Each structure stands twice: as C-alpha cells, then as structure tokens.
PDB file of N, CA and C in Angstrom:
ATOM      1  N   MET A   1     323.838  77.146  50.876  1.00  0.00           N
ATOM      2  CA  MET A   1     324.504  76.173  51.710  1.00  0.00           C
ATOM      3  C   MET A   1     323.453  75.379  52.472  1.00  0.00           C
ATOM      4  N   LYS A   2     323.612  74.080  52.454  1.00  0.00           N
ATOM      5  CA  LYS A   2     322.679  73.209  53.141  1.00  0.00           C
ATOM      6  C   LYS A   2     323.243  72.844  54.508  1.00  0.00           C
ATOM      7  N   ILE A   3     322.411  72.870  55.524  1.00  0.00           N
ATOM      8  CA  ILE A   3     322.827  72.522  56.878  1.00  0.00           C
ATOM      9  C   ILE A   3     322.547  71.047  57.096  1.00  0.00           C
ATOM     10  N   ASP A   4     323.596  70.334  57.502  1.00  0.00           N
ATOM     11  CA  ASP A   4     323.479  68.907  57.734  1.00  0.00           C
ATOM     12  C   ASP A   4     323.300  68.667  59.234  1.00  0.00           C
ATOM     13  N   SER A   5     322.131  68.260  59.647  1.00  0.00           N
ATOM     14  CA  SER A   5     321.857  68.054  61.068  1.00  0.00           C
ATOM     15  C   SER A   5     322.375  66.714  61.577  1.00  0.00           C
ATOM     16  N   SER A   6     322.918  65.869  60.697  1.00  0.00           N
ATOM     17  CA  SER A   6     323.437  64.575  61.152  1.00  0.00           C
ATOM     18  C   SER A   6     324.821  64.710  61.782  1.00  0.00           C
ATOM     19  N   ILE A   7     325.504  65.837  61.537  1.00  0.00           N
ATOM     20  CA  ILE A   7     326.824  66.075  62.119  1.00  0.00           C
ATOM     21  C   ILE A   7     326.637  66.827  63.426  1.00  0.00           C
ATOM     22  N   PRO A   8     327.197  66.303  64.528  1.00  0.00           N
ATOM     23  CA  PRO A   8     327.027  66.988  65.818  1.00  0.00           C
ATOM     24  C   PRO A   8     327.764  68.324  65.830  1.00  0.00           C
ATOM     25  N   SER A   9     327.205  69.269  66.510  1.00  0.00           N
ATOM     26  CA  SER A   9     327.798  70.588  66.627  1.00  0.00           C
ATOM     27  C   SER A   9     329.029  70.520  67.519  1.00  0.00           C
ATOM     28  N   SER A  10     330.015  71.384  67.250  1.00  0.00           N
ATOM     29  CA  SER A  10     331.217  71.401  68.082  1.00  0.00           C
ATOM     30  C   SER A  10     330.941  72.047  69.435  1.00  0.00           C
ATOM     31  N   THR A  11     329.910  72.851  69.503  1.00  0.00           N
ATOM     32  CA  THR A  11     329.520  73.444  70.789  1.00  0.00           C
ATOM     33  C   THR A  11     328.105  73.025  71.092  1.00  0.00           C
ATOM     34  N   SER A  12     327.918  72.523  72.285  1.00  0.00           N
ATOM     35  CA  SER A  12     326.568  72.141  72.668  1.00  0.00           C
ATOM     36  C   SER A  12     326.161  72.962  73.871  1.00  0.00           C
ATOM     37  N   LEU A  13     324.972  73.448  73.838  1.00  0.00           N
ATOM     38  CA  LEU A  13     324.443  74.252  74.923  1.00  0.00           C
ATOM     39  C   LEU A  13     323.668  73.357  75.879  1.00  0.00           C
ATOM     40  N   PRO A  14     323.812  73.617  77.181  1.00  0.00           N
ATOM     41  CA  PRO A  14     323.054  72.804  78.136  1.00  0.00           C
ATOM     42  C   PRO A  14     321.564  73.102  78.022  1.00  0.00           C
ATOM     43  N   LYS A  15     320.778  72.084  78.195  1.00  0.00           N
ATOM     44  CA  LYS A  15     319.330  72.270  78.158  1.00  0.00           C
ATOM     45  C   LYS A  15     318.877  72.728  79.535  1.00  0.00           C
ATOM     46  N   THR A  16     318.016  73.703  79.526  1.00  0.00           N
ATOM     47  CA  THR A  16     317.539  74.224  80.803  1.00  0.00           C
ATOM     48  C   THR A  16     316.222  73.567  81.172  1.00  0.00           C
ATOM     49  N   GLN A  17     316.047  73.373  82.447  1.00  0.00           N
ATOM     50  CA  GLN A  17     314.820  72.800  82.972  1.00  0.00           C
ATOM     51  C   GLN A  17     314.089  73.887  83.741  1.00  0.00           C
ATOM     52  N   PRO A  18     312.780  73.958  83.643  1.00  0.00           N
ATOM     53  CA  PRO A  18     312.054  74.946  84.420  1.00  0.00           C
ATOM     54  C   PRO A  18     312.225  74.676  85.908  1.00  0.00           C
ATOM     55  N   LYS A  19     312.417  75.754  86.650  1.00  0.00           N
ATOM     56  CA  LYS A  19     312.597  75.607  88.092  1.00  0.00           C
ATOM     57  C   LYS A  19     311.239  75.490  88.769  1.00  0.00           C
ATOM     58  N   LYS A  20     311.192  74.640  89.788  1.00  0.00           N
ATOM     59  CA  LYS A  20     309.960  74.466  90.543  1.00  0.00           C
ATOM     60  C   LYS A  20     309.916  75.507  91.647  1.00  0.00           C
ATOM     61  N   ALA A  21     308.759  76.054  91.886  1.00  0.00           N
ATOM     62  CA  ALA A  21     308.586  77.042  92.952  1.00  0.00           C
ATOM     63  C   ALA A  21     308.649  76.338  94.299  1.00  0.00           C
ATOM     64  N   ALA A  22     309.262  77.015  95.254  1.00  0.00           N
ATOM     65  CA  ALA A  22     309.338  76.452  96.606  1.00  0.00           C
ATOM     66  C   ALA A  22     307.959  76.482  97.236  1.00  0.00           C
ATOM     67  N   SER A  23     307.548  75.355  97.771  1.00  0.00           N
ATOM     68  CA  SER A  23     306.211  75.279  98.340  1.00  0.00           C
ATOM     69  C   SER A  23     306.190  75.592  99.824  1.00  0.00           C
ATOM     70  N   SER A  24     307.357  75.457 100.481  1.00  0.00           N
ATOM     71  CA  SER A  24     307.398  75.748 101.899  1.00  0.00           C
ATOM     72  C   SER A  24     308.789  76.201 102.292  1.00  0.00           C
ATOM     73  N   PRO A  25     308.933  76.899 103.428  1.00  0.00           N
ATOM     74  CA  PRO A  25     310.253  77.339 103.854  1.00  0.00           C
ATOM     75  C   PRO A  25     311.205  76.184 104.088  1.00  0.00           C
ATOM     76  N   ALA A  26     310.714  74.990 104.372  1.00  0.00           N
ATOM     77  CA  ALA A  26     311.570  73.835 104.605  1.00  0.00           C
ATOM     78  C   ALA A  26     312.323  73.444 103.343  1.00  0.00           C
ATOM     79  N   SER A  27     311.808  73.822 102.161  1.00  0.00           N
ATOM     80  CA  SER A  27     312.465  73.448 100.919  1.00  0.00           C
ATOM     81  C   SER A  27     313.551  74.440 100.513  1.00  0.00           C
ATOM     82  N   VAL A  28     313.747  75.506 101.285  1.00  0.00           N
ATOM     83  CA  VAL A  28     314.770  76.500 100.987  1.00  0.00           C
ATOM     84  C   VAL A  28     316.123  75.958 101.425  1.00  0.00           C
ATOM     85  N   PRO A  29     317.145  76.033 100.565  1.00  0.00           N
ATOM     86  CA  PRO A  29     318.461  75.551 100.959  1.00  0.00           C
ATOM     87  C   PRO A  29     319.013  76.322 102.153  1.00  0.00           C
ATOM     88  N   ALA A  30     319.917  75.697 102.893  1.00  0.00           N
ATOM     89  CA  ALA A  30     320.477  76.309 104.098  1.00  0.00           C
ATOM     90  C   ALA A  30     321.179  77.624 103.787  1.00  0.00           C
ATOM     91  N   GLN A  31     321.846  77.729 102.654  1.00  0.00           N
ATOM     92  CA  GLN A  31     322.539  78.962 102.296  1.00  0.00           C
ATOM     93  C   GLN A  31     321.551  80.111 102.139  1.00  0.00           C
ATOM     94  N   ALA A  32     320.433  79.879 101.517  1.00  0.00           N
ATOM     95  CA  ALA A  32     319.449  80.927 101.290  1.00  0.00           C
ATOM     96  C   ALA A  32     318.779  81.352 102.587  1.00  0.00           C
ATOM     97  N   ALA A  33     318.700  80.460 103.549  1.00  0.00           N
ATOM     98  CA  ALA A  33     318.057  80.790 104.811  1.00  0.00           C
ATOM     99  C   ALA A  33     318.848  81.835 105.588  1.00  0.00           C
ATOM    100  N   ASN A  34     320.142  81.968 105.336  1.00  0.00           N
ATOM    101  CA  ASN A  34     320.975  82.933 106.037  1.00  0.00           C
ATOM    102  C   ASN A  34     320.927  84.326 105.423  1.00  0.00           C
ATOM    103  N   VAL A  35     320.248  84.497 104.341  1.00  0.00           N
ATOM    104  CA  VAL A  35     320.226  85.771 103.634  1.00  0.00           C
ATOM    105  C   VAL A  35     319.456  86.836 104.395  1.00  0.00           C
ATOM    106  N   GLY A  36     318.411  86.514 105.079  1.00  0.00           N
ATOM    107  CA  GLY A  36     317.581  87.498 105.759  1.00  0.00           C
ATOM    108  C   GLY A  36     316.227  87.558 105.095  1.00  0.00           C
ATOM    109  N   ASP A  37     315.427  88.515 105.539  1.00  0.00           N
ATOM    110  CA  ASP A  37     314.092  88.574 104.950  1.00  0.00           C
ATOM    111  C   ASP A  37     314.124  89.265 103.589  1.00  0.00           C
ATOM    112  N   ALA A  38     313.107  89.011 102.800  1.00  0.00           N
ATOM    113  CA  ALA A  38     313.049  89.524 101.438  1.00  0.00           C
ATOM    114  C   ALA A  38     312.831  91.024 101.392  1.00  0.00           C
ATOM    115  N   SER A  39     312.310  91.637 102.440  1.00  0.00           N
ATOM    116  CA  SER A  39     312.063  93.071 102.403  1.00  0.00           C
ATOM    117  C   SER A  39     313.359  93.854 102.279  1.00  0.00           C
ATOM    118  N   SER A  40     314.454  93.354 102.860  1.00  0.00           N
ATOM    119  CA  SER A  40     315.728  94.054 102.736  1.00  0.00           C
ATOM    120  C   SER A  40     316.256  93.959 101.311  1.00  0.00           C
ATOM    121  N   VAL A  41     315.965  92.869 100.625  1.00  0.00           N
ATOM    122  CA  VAL A  41     316.391  92.723  99.245  1.00  0.00           C
ATOM    123  C   VAL A  41     315.581  93.654  98.361  1.00  0.00           C
ATOM    124  N   ARG A  42     314.293  93.718  98.585  1.00  0.00           N
ATOM    125  CA  ARG A  42     313.444  94.589  97.771  1.00  0.00           C
ATOM    126  C   ARG A  42     313.837  96.052  97.927  1.00  0.00           C
ATOM    127  N   SER A  43     314.196  96.467  99.123  1.00  0.00           N
ATOM    128  CA  SER A  43     314.530  97.865  99.325  1.00  0.00           C
ATOM    129  C   SER A  43     315.848  98.230  98.651  1.00  0.00           C
ATOM    130  N   ALA A  44     316.693  97.238  98.375  1.00  0.00           N
ATOM    131  CA  ALA A  44     317.972  97.499  97.733  1.00  0.00           C
ATOM    132  C   ALA A  44     317.860  97.573  96.216  1.00  0.00           C
ATOM    133  N   GLU A  45     316.743  97.117  95.665  1.00  0.00           N
ATOM    134  CA  GLU A  45     316.562  97.134  94.221  1.00  0.00           C
ATOM    135  C   GLU A  45     316.380  98.567  93.742  1.00  0.00           C
ATOM    136  N   PRO A  46     317.010  98.926  92.619  1.00  0.00           N
ATOM    137  CA  PRO A  46     316.829 100.274  92.093  1.00  0.00           C
ATOM    138  C   PRO A  46     315.414 100.442  91.543  1.00  0.00           C
ATOM    139  N   THR A  47     314.910 101.635  91.631  1.00  0.00           N
ATOM    140  CA  THR A  47     313.591 101.899  91.069  1.00  0.00           C
ATOM    141  C   THR A  47     313.734 101.984  89.557  1.00  0.00           C
ATOM    142  N   PRO A  48     312.768 101.457  88.821  1.00  0.00           N
ATOM    143  CA  PRO A  48     312.876 101.486  87.371  1.00  0.00           C
ATOM    144  C   PRO A  48     312.805 102.913  86.834  1.00  0.00           C
ATOM    145  N   ALA A  49     313.534 103.153  85.758  1.00  0.00           N
ATOM    146  CA  ALA A  49     313.518 104.470  85.131  1.00  0.00           C
ATOM    147  C   ALA A  49     312.146 104.688  84.491  1.00  0.00           C
ATOM    148  N   PRO A  50     311.707 105.924  84.436  1.00  0.00           N
ATOM    149  CA  PRO A  50     310.415 106.183  83.790  1.00  0.00           C
ATOM    150  C   PRO A  50     310.489 105.805  82.308  1.00  0.00           C
ATOM    151  N   PHE A  51     309.393 105.310  81.780  1.00  0.00           N
ATOM    152  CA  PHE A  51     309.324 104.850  80.397  1.00  0.00           C
ATOM    153  C   PHE A  51     308.574 105.888  79.575  1.00  0.00           C
ATOM    154  N   ASP A  52     309.236 106.439  78.575  1.00  0.00           N
ATOM    155  CA  ASP A  52     308.631 107.459  77.719  1.00  0.00           C
ATOM    156  C   ASP A  52     308.323 106.827  76.363  1.00  0.00           C
ATOM    157  N   SER A  53     307.100 106.356  76.212  1.00  0.00           N
ATOM    158  CA  SER A  53     306.735 105.649  74.986  1.00  0.00           C
ATOM    159  C   SER A  53     306.815 106.561  73.762  1.00  0.00           C
ATOM    160  N   LYS A  54     306.561 107.851  73.930  1.00  0.00           N
ATOM    161  CA  LYS A  54     306.652 108.788  72.806  1.00  0.00           C
ATOM    162  C   LYS A  54     308.096 108.878  72.319  1.00  0.00           C
ATOM    163  N   ARG A  55     309.047 108.956  73.260  1.00  0.00           N
ATOM    164  CA  ARG A  55     310.467 109.039  72.898  1.00  0.00           C
ATOM    165  C   ARG A  55     310.921 107.745  72.220  1.00  0.00           C
ATOM    166  N   VAL A  56     310.440 106.613  72.698  1.00  0.00           N
ATOM    167  CA  VAL A  56     310.783 105.328  72.084  1.00  0.00           C
ATOM    168  C   VAL A  56     310.268 105.286  70.646  1.00  0.00           C
ATOM    169  N   ALA A  57     309.067 105.761  70.425  1.00  0.00           N
ATOM    170  CA  ALA A  57     308.496 105.785  69.075  1.00  0.00           C
ATOM    171  C   ALA A  57     309.315 106.695  68.163  1.00  0.00           C
ATOM    172  N   GLU A  58     309.771 107.836  68.692  1.00  0.00           N
ATOM    173  CA  GLU A  58     310.603 108.753  67.896  1.00  0.00           C
ATOM    174  C   GLU A  58     311.914 108.090  67.499  1.00  0.00           C
ATOM    175  N   ILE A  59     312.527 107.382  68.439  1.00  0.00           N
ATOM    176  CA  ILE A  59     313.796 106.714  68.154  1.00  0.00           C
ATOM    177  C   ILE A  59     313.599 105.590  67.146  1.00  0.00           C
ATOM    178  N   ARG A  60     312.519 104.830  67.295  1.00  0.00           N
ATOM    179  CA  ARG A  60     312.233 103.752  66.331  1.00  0.00           C
ATOM    180  C   ARG A  60     312.064 104.316  64.926  1.00  0.00           C
ATOM    181  N   GLN A  61     311.367 105.440  64.831  1.00  0.00           N
ATOM    182  CA  GLN A  61     311.146 106.045  63.520  1.00  0.00           C
ATOM    183  C   GLN A  61     312.454 106.563  62.943  1.00  0.00           C
ATOM    184  N   ALA A  62     313.306 107.144  63.777  1.00  0.00           N
ATOM    185  CA  ALA A  62     314.602 107.628  63.312  1.00  0.00           C
ATOM    186  C   ALA A  62     315.470 106.478  62.803  1.00  0.00           C
ATOM    187  N   VAL A  63     315.420 105.340  63.492  1.00  0.00           N
ATOM    188  CA  VAL A  63     316.172 104.158  63.043  1.00  0.00           C
ATOM    189  C   VAL A  63     315.616 103.684  61.708  1.00  0.00           C
ATOM    190  N   ALA A  64     314.298 103.609  61.599  1.00  0.00           N
ATOM    191  CA  ALA A  64     313.663 103.142  60.366  1.00  0.00           C
ATOM    192  C   ALA A  64     313.982 104.067  59.192  1.00  0.00           C
ATOM    193  N   ASP A  65     314.066 105.362  59.458  1.00  0.00           N
ATOM    194  CA  ASP A  65     314.348 106.350  58.409  1.00  0.00           C
ATOM    195  C   ASP A  65     315.838 106.486  58.120  1.00  0.00           C
ATOM    196  N   GLY A  66     316.679 105.900  58.960  1.00  0.00           N
ATOM    197  CA  GLY A  66     318.126 106.034  58.786  1.00  0.00           C
ATOM    198  C   GLY A  66     318.654 107.376  59.277  1.00  0.00           C
ATOM    199  N   ARG A  67     317.906 108.061  60.131  1.00  0.00           N
ATOM    200  CA  ARG A  67     318.308 109.388  60.634  1.00  0.00           C
ATOM    201  C   ARG A  67     319.048 109.317  61.961  1.00  0.00           C
ATOM    202  N   LEU A  68     319.074 108.164  62.607  1.00  0.00           N
ATOM    203  CA  LEU A  68     319.684 108.057  63.922  1.00  0.00           C
ATOM    204  C   LEU A  68     321.198 108.072  63.801  1.00  0.00           C
ATOM    205  N   GLN A  69     321.827 109.016  64.502  1.00  0.00           N
ATOM    206  CA  GLN A  69     323.284 109.110  64.489  1.00  0.00           C
ATOM    207  C   GLN A  69     323.795 108.722  65.869  1.00  0.00           C
ATOM    208  N   ILE A  70     324.738 107.802  65.904  1.00  0.00           N
ATOM    209  CA  ILE A  70     325.315 107.314  67.149  1.00  0.00           C
ATOM    210  C   ILE A  70     326.675 107.974  67.340  1.00  0.00           C
ATOM    211  N   ASP A  71     326.876 108.611  68.483  1.00  0.00           N
ATOM    212  CA  ASP A  71     328.155 109.233  68.813  1.00  0.00           C
ATOM    213  C   ASP A  71     328.861 108.324  69.820  1.00  0.00           C
ATOM    214  N   ALA A  72     329.710 107.436  69.300  1.00  0.00           N
ATOM    215  CA  ALA A  72     330.374 106.441  70.140  1.00  0.00           C
ATOM    216  C   ALA A  72     331.268 107.095  71.188  1.00  0.00           C
ATOM    217  N   ASP A  73     331.928 108.206  70.850  1.00  0.00           N
ATOM    218  CA  ASP A  73     332.792 108.900  71.814  1.00  0.00           C
ATOM    219  C   ASP A  73     331.985 109.432  72.994  1.00  0.00           C
ATOM    220  N   LYS A  74     330.815 109.967  72.718  1.00  0.00           N
ATOM    221  CA  LYS A  74     329.950 110.492  73.776  1.00  0.00           C
ATOM    222  C   LYS A  74     329.461 109.355  74.685  1.00  0.00           C
ATOM    223  N   ILE A  75     329.071 108.238  74.075  1.00  0.00           N
ATOM    224  CA  ILE A  75     328.601 107.082  74.841  1.00  0.00           C
ATOM    225  C   ILE A  75     329.734 106.547  75.716  1.00  0.00           C
ATOM    226  N   ALA A  76     330.915 106.387  75.146  1.00  0.00           N
ATOM    227  CA  ALA A  76     332.060 105.871  75.898  1.00  0.00           C
ATOM    228  C   ALA A  76     332.426 106.816  77.042  1.00  0.00           C
ATOM    229  N   GLY A  77     332.392 108.107  76.790  1.00  0.00           N
ATOM    230  CA  GLY A  77     332.713 109.083  77.833  1.00  0.00           C
ATOM    231  C   GLY A  77     331.744 109.012  78.996  1.00  0.00           C
ATOM    232  N   ARG A  78     330.463 108.917  78.700  1.00  0.00           N
ATOM    233  CA  ARG A  78     329.463 108.821  79.775  1.00  0.00           C
ATOM    234  C   ARG A  78     329.560 107.497  80.525  1.00  0.00           C
ATOM    235  N   LEU A  79     329.889 106.438  79.809  1.00  0.00           N
ATOM    236  CA  LEU A  79     330.068 105.144  80.446  1.00  0.00           C
ATOM    237  C   LEU A  79     331.246 105.191  81.413  1.00  0.00           C
ATOM    238  N   LEU A  80     332.348 105.765  80.988  1.00  0.00           N
ATOM    239  CA  LEU A  80     333.523 105.890  81.860  1.00  0.00           C
ATOM    240  C   LEU A  80     333.230 106.789  83.061  1.00  0.00           C
ATOM    241  N   ASP A  81     332.487 107.878  82.838  1.00  0.00           N
ATOM    242  CA  ASP A  81     332.107 108.756  83.950  1.00  0.00           C
ATOM    243  C   ASP A  81     331.290 107.984  84.985  1.00  0.00           C
ATOM    244  N   GLY A  82     330.363 107.172  84.519  1.00  0.00           N
ATOM    245  CA  GLY A  82     329.532 106.386  85.423  1.00  0.00           C
ATOM    246  C   GLY A  82     330.339 105.376  86.209  1.00  0.00           C
ATOM    247  N   VAL A  83     331.290 104.722  85.549  1.00  0.00           N
ATOM    248  CA  VAL A  83     332.139 103.743  86.230  1.00  0.00           C
ATOM    249  C   VAL A  83     333.005 104.439  87.273  1.00  0.00           C
ATOM    250  N   GLN A  84     333.574 105.585  86.917  1.00  0.00           N
ATOM    251  CA  GLN A  84     334.403 106.325  87.872  1.00  0.00           C
ATOM    252  C   GLN A  84     333.581 106.764  89.077  1.00  0.00           C
ATOM    253  N   GLU A  85     332.349 107.176  88.848  1.00  0.00           N
ATOM    254  CA  GLU A  85     331.469 107.573  89.950  1.00  0.00           C
ATOM    255  C   GLU A  85     331.180 106.398  90.871  1.00  0.00           C
ATOM    256  N   LEU A  86     330.894 105.235  90.304  1.00  0.00           N
ATOM    257  CA  LEU A  86     330.634 104.050  91.109  1.00  0.00           C
ATOM    258  C   LEU A  86     331.866 103.644  91.903  1.00  0.00           C
ATOM    259  N   LEU A  87     333.018 103.708  91.276  1.00  0.00           N
ATOM    260  CA  LEU A  87     334.259 103.359  91.984  1.00  0.00           C
ATOM    261  C   LEU A  87     334.526 104.324  93.127  1.00  0.00           C
ATOM    262  N   ALA A  88     334.249 105.603  92.918  1.00  0.00           N
ATOM    263  CA  ALA A  88     334.472 106.598  93.954  1.00  0.00           C
ATOM    264  C   ALA A  88     333.521 106.360  95.135  1.00  0.00           C
ATOM    265  N   LYS A  89     332.301 105.952  94.869  1.00  0.00           N
ATOM    266  CA  LYS A  89     331.331 105.685  95.945  1.00  0.00           C
ATOM    267  C   LYS A  89     331.745 104.477  96.780  1.00  0.00           C
ATOM    268  N   ASN A  90     332.309 103.477  96.102  1.00  0.00           N
ATOM    269  CA  ASN A  90     332.668 102.231  96.776  1.00  0.00           C
ATOM    270  C   ASN A  90     334.073 102.230  97.377  1.00  0.00           C
ATOM    271  N   ARG A  91     334.822 103.296  97.154  1.00  0.00           N
ATOM    272  CA  ARG A  91     336.184 103.365  97.668  1.00  0.00           C
ATOM    273  C   ARG A  91     336.137 103.674  99.157  1.00  0.00           C
ATOM    274  N   PRO A  92     336.832 102.888  99.982  1.00  0.00           N
ATOM    275  CA  PRO A  92     336.833 103.160 101.425  1.00  0.00           C
ATOM    276  C   PRO A  92     337.566 104.455 101.719  1.00  0.00           C
ATOM    277  N   ALA A  93     337.076 105.188 102.726  1.00  0.00           N
ATOM    278  CA  ALA A  93     337.696 106.449 103.125  1.00  0.00           C
ATOM    279  C   ALA A  93     339.060 106.158 103.740  1.00  0.00           C
ATOM    280  N   ALA A  94     340.044 106.944 103.341  1.00  0.00           N
ATOM    281  CA  ALA A  94     341.406 106.696 103.864  1.00  0.00           C
ATOM    282  C   ALA A  94     341.703 107.563 105.064  1.00  0.00           C
TER     283      ALA A  94
END
C-alpha cells in the first residue's frame, strides 16, 4: 500500500514549541507565584524505586527467549489492592 501525502490527515496533532526557561521571578505567572516555595514540592515527590539492572537484564532475556509468562489476574488483583489502599488513605475519617 502506498501512502499518499497529498491527502490531509483526518486527525492533526498540534505542533509543540520548546518552552523558554524563566529568566527572572518577574516572568512567573501570578497563579504560579501563589504555589509556595519549591522545597515543599520537592519534599512531596516520591523517592524513585531502586533500579536492579541485573533483574532488568533477566527479564529482557526471558522476553527474547519467549519464557516470560504474564499473569493478568495477578496484575489486576495487585492493581485493585493498590487503588483500594490509596482510596482508604484519602477517605476522610467519619
């Protein structure tokens, strides 16, 4: 099948422009100025999980060999457990 580039696509994606770095606090929008200092934002960020390059290599090899078995029920169960835990943490005390 040949792709004809003369016909416009039915879906067009917006082109992104690189954002310019703020050079001074005066260039910060008024909404962002009310957020507070950046240290409070940094402290709220989760710490990254440890990266086990050996385990990643083992998984890559298992995928390449066709030995990797995915248990969708187990994944779905753990995902639901995590969501329920998050909901329980965020639920206001009655």
